[in-house]
Amino acid sequence: MNQPAWQAFDLADLKQRVQGHEPRFFEFLGSGRLSGAIYRLPAGATDLQGPHLEDEVYVVLEGEARLRIDTAEQEVRPGMVLFIPADARHAFVDIRKDLTLLTLFSASGRAGRH
């Protein structure tokens, strides 16, 4: 059976998949060209991710924290779009309110390493 060339996802349904009291990551798209996931870090959590082989874009859906990229830090809040180049050391720190992110990865690697 062939899959359609396009797909549609309901953001509310995706956010439900990562509810809970611990960090959660759910990859909903893996097309070979692009990967998409929802990533949730509860307030006070530690983000253990490291550098990725692929470029990455985060869309901040909910929460408050800071993003540390190498030695720089950026305050993050809902509505922000963040670009992280491949191989950059990065992590969300000082997570003050539950953080929910829509994450998109380029095709050079796989998203499931959070």
N, C-alpha and C. Protein backbone atom coordinates (compact mmCIF):
# COMPACT_ATOMS: atom_id res chain seq x y z
N MET A 1 0.84 -1.18 0.00
CA MET A 1 0.00 0.00 0.00
C MET A 1 0.89 1.24 0.00
N ASN A 2 0.64 2.17 -0.90
CA ASN A 2 1.44 3.39 -1.01
C ASN A 2 0.98 4.45 -0.03
N GLN A 3 1.95 5.17 0.55
CA GLN A 3 1.61 6.31 1.40
C GLN A 3 1.44 7.53 0.51
N PRO A 4 0.57 8.46 0.90
CA PRO A 4 0.41 9.68 0.11
C PRO A 4 1.69 10.51 0.13
N ALA A 5 1.85 11.36 -0.88
CA ALA A 5 3.03 12.21 -0.96
C ALA A 5 3.04 13.28 0.13
N TRP A 6 1.91 13.53 0.73
CA TRP A 6 1.82 14.54 1.79
C TRP A 6 1.20 13.90 3.03
N GLN A 7 1.40 14.55 4.16
CA GLN A 7 0.83 14.08 5.42
C GLN A 7 0.36 15.28 6.22
N ALA A 8 -0.63 15.07 7.07
CA ALA A 8 -1.13 16.13 7.95
C ALA A 8 -1.07 15.61 9.38
N PHE A 9 -0.70 16.48 10.31
CA PHE A 9 -0.58 16.11 11.72
C PHE A 9 -1.34 17.14 12.55
N ASP A 10 -1.99 16.68 13.60
CA ASP A 10 -2.71 17.56 14.52
C ASP A 10 -1.80 17.88 15.69
N LEU A 11 -1.47 19.15 15.86
CA LEU A 11 -0.54 19.57 16.90
C LEU A 11 -1.02 19.20 18.30
N ALA A 12 -2.32 19.32 18.56
CA ALA A 12 -2.85 18.95 19.88
C ALA A 12 -2.64 17.46 20.15
N ASP A 13 -2.84 16.62 19.15
CA ASP A 13 -2.60 15.18 19.31
C ASP A 13 -1.12 14.89 19.57
N LEU A 14 -0.25 15.57 18.84
CA LEU A 14 1.19 15.36 19.03
C LEU A 14 1.62 15.77 20.44
N LYS A 15 1.10 16.89 20.92
CA LYS A 15 1.45 17.36 22.27
C LYS A 15 0.97 16.38 23.34
N GLN A 16 -0.16 15.73 23.11
CA GLN A 16 -0.67 14.73 24.06
C GLN A 16 0.31 13.57 24.22
N ARG A 17 1.01 13.22 23.15
CA ARG A 17 1.93 12.08 23.17
C ARG A 17 3.15 12.30 24.06
N VAL A 18 3.42 13.54 24.43
CA VAL A 18 4.62 13.81 25.24
C VAL A 18 4.27 14.33 26.63
N GLN A 19 3.02 14.20 27.05
CA GLN A 19 2.63 14.63 28.39
C GLN A 19 3.28 13.73 29.43
N GLY A 20 3.53 14.29 30.61
CA GLY A 20 4.12 13.50 31.69
C GLY A 20 5.06 14.33 32.52
N HIS A 21 5.71 13.67 33.47
CA HIS A 21 6.57 14.37 34.42
C HIS A 21 8.05 14.14 34.16
N GLU A 22 8.39 13.61 33.00
CA GLU A 22 9.80 13.41 32.65
C GLU A 22 9.99 13.83 31.20
N PRO A 23 11.24 14.07 30.79
CA PRO A 23 11.47 14.46 29.39
C PRO A 23 10.94 13.39 28.43
N ARG A 24 10.31 13.85 27.35
CA ARG A 24 9.76 12.93 26.35
C ARG A 24 10.03 13.47 24.96
N PHE A 25 10.24 12.53 24.04
CA PHE A 25 10.54 12.85 22.65
C PHE A 25 9.73 11.90 21.77
N PHE A 26 8.96 12.45 20.83
CA PHE A 26 8.15 11.62 19.94
C PHE A 26 8.40 12.06 18.50
N GLU A 27 9.00 11.17 17.72
CA GLU A 27 9.23 11.46 16.31
C GLU A 27 8.00 11.06 15.51
N PHE A 28 7.38 12.03 14.84
CA PHE A 28 6.15 11.77 14.09
C PHE A 28 6.38 11.76 12.58
N LEU A 29 7.53 12.20 12.14
CA LEU A 29 7.82 12.26 10.71
C LEU A 29 9.26 11.84 10.47
N GLY A 30 9.45 10.93 9.53
CA GLY A 30 10.78 10.51 9.12
C GLY A 30 10.73 10.18 7.65
N SER A 31 10.80 11.19 6.81
CA SER A 31 10.58 11.00 5.38
C SER A 31 11.83 10.62 4.60
N GLY A 32 12.98 10.67 5.21
CA GLY A 32 14.22 10.49 4.48
C GLY A 32 14.83 11.82 4.07
N ARG A 33 14.01 12.83 3.93
CA ARG A 33 14.49 14.18 3.62
C ARG A 33 14.35 15.11 4.81
N LEU A 34 13.37 14.80 5.66
CA LEU A 34 13.07 15.67 6.80
C LEU A 34 12.52 14.82 7.92
N SER A 35 12.91 15.14 9.14
CA SER A 35 12.35 14.48 10.32
C SER A 35 11.67 15.53 11.18
N GLY A 36 10.57 15.14 11.81
CA GLY A 36 9.84 16.03 12.70
C GLY A 36 9.53 15.33 14.00
N ALA A 37 9.58 16.08 15.10
CA ALA A 37 9.32 15.49 16.42
C ALA A 37 8.74 16.55 17.34
N ILE A 38 8.13 16.06 18.41
CA ILE A 38 7.72 16.91 19.53
C ILE A 38 8.63 16.54 20.69
N TYR A 39 9.19 17.54 21.34
CA TYR A 39 10.13 17.33 22.45
C TYR A 39 9.60 18.10 23.64
N ARG A 40 9.49 17.43 24.78
CA ARG A 40 8.97 18.08 25.99
C ARG A 40 9.94 17.90 27.13
N LEU A 41 10.24 19.01 27.81
CA LEU A 41 11.09 19.02 28.99
C LEU A 41 10.32 19.71 30.11
N PRO A 42 9.96 18.97 31.17
CA PRO A 42 9.25 19.58 32.29
C PRO A 42 10.13 20.60 33.01
N ALA A 43 9.50 21.52 33.71
CA ALA A 43 10.24 22.50 34.52
C ALA A 43 11.22 21.77 35.43
N GLY A 44 12.45 22.28 35.48
CA GLY A 44 13.47 21.70 36.34
C GLY A 44 14.21 20.52 35.74
N ALA A 45 13.79 20.03 34.57
CA ALA A 45 14.43 18.87 33.94
C ALA A 45 15.82 19.23 33.43
N THR A 46 16.62 18.20 33.20
CA THR A 46 17.93 18.35 32.59
C THR A 46 17.86 17.85 31.16
N ASP A 47 18.26 18.69 30.22
CA ASP A 47 18.29 18.32 28.80
C ASP A 47 19.65 17.68 28.52
N LEU A 48 19.65 16.40 28.21
CA LEU A 48 20.89 15.65 28.05
C LEU A 48 21.36 15.52 26.60
N GLN A 49 20.71 16.20 25.67
CA GLN A 49 21.10 16.03 24.28
C GLN A 49 22.49 16.62 24.02
N GLY A 50 23.11 16.11 22.98
CA GLY A 50 24.41 16.62 22.54
C GLY A 50 24.32 17.08 21.11
N PRO A 51 25.46 17.31 20.48
CA PRO A 51 25.47 17.74 19.08
C PRO A 51 24.82 16.69 18.18
N HIS A 52 24.22 17.16 17.09
CA HIS A 52 23.58 16.29 16.10
C HIS A 52 24.34 16.39 14.78
N LEU A 53 24.17 15.40 13.94
CA LEU A 53 24.79 15.40 12.62
C LEU A 53 24.05 16.28 11.63
N GLU A 54 22.85 16.70 11.97
CA GLU A 54 22.00 17.44 11.05
C GLU A 54 21.65 18.83 11.61
N ASP A 55 21.33 19.75 10.70
CA ASP A 55 20.78 21.03 11.12
C ASP A 55 19.45 20.77 11.80
N GLU A 56 19.06 21.68 12.68
CA GLU A 56 17.85 21.48 13.49
C GLU A 56 17.14 22.82 13.67
N VAL A 57 15.82 22.78 13.63
CA VAL A 57 15.00 23.96 13.92
C VAL A 57 14.04 23.59 15.04
N TYR A 58 13.97 24.46 16.05
CA TYR A 58 13.00 24.31 17.13
C TYR A 58 11.97 25.43 17.01
N VAL A 59 10.69 25.09 17.14
CA VAL A 59 9.63 26.08 17.30
C VAL A 59 9.14 25.92 18.73
N VAL A 60 9.27 26.97 19.52
CA VAL A 60 8.89 26.90 20.93
C VAL A 60 7.37 27.07 21.02
N LEU A 61 6.69 26.01 21.45
CA LEU A 61 5.23 26.03 21.57
C LEU A 61 4.78 26.50 22.94
N GLU A 62 5.48 26.05 23.98
CA GLU A 62 5.12 26.39 25.37
C GLU A 62 6.38 26.43 26.20
N GLY A 63 6.33 27.21 27.29
CA GLY A 63 7.38 27.14 28.29
C GLY A 63 8.34 28.31 28.29
N GLU A 64 9.24 28.26 29.29
CA GLU A 64 10.29 29.27 29.44
C GLU A 64 11.57 28.57 29.85
N ALA A 65 12.67 28.95 29.20
CA ALA A 65 13.98 28.37 29.50
C ALA A 65 15.04 29.23 28.81
N ARG A 66 16.27 28.76 28.87
CA ARG A 66 17.35 29.34 28.08
C ARG A 66 17.93 28.22 27.22
N LEU A 67 18.40 28.58 26.04
CA LEU A 67 19.08 27.64 25.16
C LEU A 67 20.56 28.00 25.19
N ARG A 68 21.38 27.03 25.58
CA ARG A 68 22.83 27.21 25.56
C ARG A 68 23.35 26.60 24.27
N ILE A 69 24.06 27.41 23.48
CA ILE A 69 24.66 26.96 22.22
C ILE A 69 26.15 27.28 22.32
N ASP A 70 26.96 26.22 22.41
CA ASP A 70 28.39 26.37 22.67
C ASP A 70 28.55 27.21 23.95
N THR A 71 29.07 28.43 23.87
CA THR A 71 29.24 29.24 25.08
C THR A 71 28.22 30.36 25.19
N ALA A 72 27.33 30.51 24.21
CA ALA A 72 26.32 31.57 24.23
C ALA A 72 25.01 31.03 24.81
N GLU A 73 24.17 31.95 25.32
CA GLU A 73 22.84 31.57 25.80
C GLU A 73 21.79 32.51 25.22
N GLN A 74 20.62 31.94 24.96
CA GLN A 74 19.48 32.69 24.41
C GLN A 74 18.25 32.37 25.24
N GLU A 75 17.57 33.40 25.71
CA GLU A 75 16.29 33.22 26.40
C GLU A 75 15.28 32.70 25.38
N VAL A 76 14.46 31.72 25.75
CA VAL A 76 13.45 31.20 24.82
C VAL A 76 12.06 31.31 25.44
N ARG A 77 11.08 31.57 24.59
CA ARG A 77 9.69 31.72 25.02
C ARG A 77 8.79 31.27 23.86
N PRO A 78 7.51 31.05 24.12
CA PRO A 78 6.60 30.60 23.07
C PRO A 78 6.61 31.54 21.86
N GLY A 79 6.57 30.94 20.69
CA GLY A 79 6.55 31.70 19.44
C GLY A 79 7.91 31.87 18.80
N MET A 80 8.98 31.56 19.53
CA MET A 80 10.32 31.72 18.96
C MET A 80 10.65 30.54 18.05
N VAL A 81 11.43 30.82 17.01
CA VAL A 81 11.96 29.80 16.11
C VAL A 81 13.48 29.85 16.24
N LEU A 82 14.09 28.70 16.54
CA LEU A 82 15.52 28.63 16.83
C LEU A 82 16.20 27.71 15.83
N PHE A 83 17.29 28.16 15.23
CA PHE A 83 18.07 27.33 14.30
C PHE A 83 19.37 26.92 14.97
N ILE A 84 19.67 25.62 14.93
CA ILE A 84 20.91 25.08 15.48
C ILE A 84 21.66 24.38 14.35
N PRO A 85 22.86 24.84 14.01
CA PRO A 85 23.60 24.16 12.94
C PRO A 85 24.11 22.79 13.37
N ALA A 86 24.34 21.93 12.41
CA ALA A 86 24.89 20.60 12.69
C ALA A 86 26.16 20.73 13.51
N ASP A 87 26.34 19.79 14.42
CA ASP A 87 27.54 19.67 15.26
C ASP A 87 27.67 20.72 16.35
N ALA A 88 26.71 21.63 16.50
CA ALA A 88 26.78 22.63 17.58
C ALA A 88 26.39 21.98 18.91
N ARG A 89 27.18 22.21 19.94
CA ARG A 89 26.82 21.74 21.28
C ARG A 89 25.68 22.63 21.77
N HIS A 90 24.59 22.00 22.20
CA HIS A 90 23.45 22.79 22.66
C HIS A 90 22.61 22.00 23.65
N ALA A 91 21.91 22.75 24.50
CA ALA A 91 20.99 22.14 25.47
C ALA A 91 20.10 23.24 26.03
N PHE A 92 18.89 22.87 26.42
CA PHE A 92 18.01 23.80 27.12
C PHE A 92 18.36 23.73 28.60
N VAL A 93 18.52 24.90 29.21
CA VAL A 93 18.90 25.00 30.62
C VAL A 93 17.92 25.94 31.33
N ASP A 94 17.97 25.93 32.65
CA ASP A 94 17.11 26.80 33.46
C ASP A 94 15.66 26.73 32.96
N ILE A 95 15.12 25.53 32.90
CA ILE A 95 13.75 25.33 32.41
C ILE A 95 12.79 25.70 33.52
N ARG A 96 12.18 26.88 33.40
CA ARG A 96 11.34 27.44 34.46
C ARG A 96 9.88 27.03 34.33
N LYS A 97 9.40 26.85 33.10
CA LYS A 97 8.04 26.38 32.83
C LYS A 97 8.15 25.25 31.83
N ASP A 98 7.28 24.23 31.97
CA ASP A 98 7.32 23.08 31.06
C ASP A 98 7.52 23.54 29.62
N LEU A 99 8.52 22.97 28.96
CA LEU A 99 8.94 23.38 27.62
C LEU A 99 8.48 22.34 26.60
N THR A 100 7.71 22.79 25.61
CA THR A 100 7.27 21.91 24.52
C THR A 100 7.75 22.52 23.21
N LEU A 101 8.43 21.71 22.40
CA LEU A 101 9.07 22.18 21.18
C LEU A 101 8.67 21.33 19.99
N LEU A 102 8.38 21.96 18.88
CA LEU A 102 8.27 21.28 17.59
C LEU A 102 9.67 21.30 17.01
N THR A 103 10.19 20.13 16.65
CA THR A 103 11.58 20.00 16.21
C THR A 103 11.62 19.45 14.80
N LEU A 104 12.38 20.11 13.92
CA LEU A 104 12.55 19.67 12.54
C LEU A 104 14.03 19.48 12.26
N PHE A 105 14.37 18.36 11.63
CA PHE A 105 15.76 18.02 11.31
C PHE A 105 15.92 17.88 9.81
N SER A 106 17.07 18.28 9.30
CA SER A 106 17.38 18.05 7.89
C SER A 106 17.68 16.58 7.65
N ALA A 107 17.88 16.21 6.41
CA ALA A 107 17.96 14.80 6.02
C ALA A 107 19.28 14.11 6.34
N SER A 108 20.30 14.82 6.76
CA SER A 108 21.61 14.18 6.90
C SER A 108 21.72 13.23 8.07
N GLY A 109 20.73 13.20 8.96
CA GLY A 109 20.77 12.30 10.10
C GLY A 109 19.38 11.95 10.56
N ARG A 110 19.27 11.32 11.73
CA ARG A 110 17.98 10.92 12.28
C ARG A 110 17.71 11.70 13.55
N ALA A 111 16.45 12.02 13.79
CA ALA A 111 16.05 12.84 14.92
C ALA A 111 16.06 12.10 16.24
N GLY A 112 15.96 10.80 16.27
CA GLY A 112 15.67 10.07 17.49
C GLY A 112 16.78 9.96 18.51
N ARG A 113 17.68 10.92 18.59
CA ARG A 113 18.78 10.82 19.55
C ARG A 113 18.63 11.76 20.73
N HIS A 114 17.50 12.33 20.97
CA HIS A 114 17.32 13.21 22.13
C HIS A 114 17.33 12.40 23.39
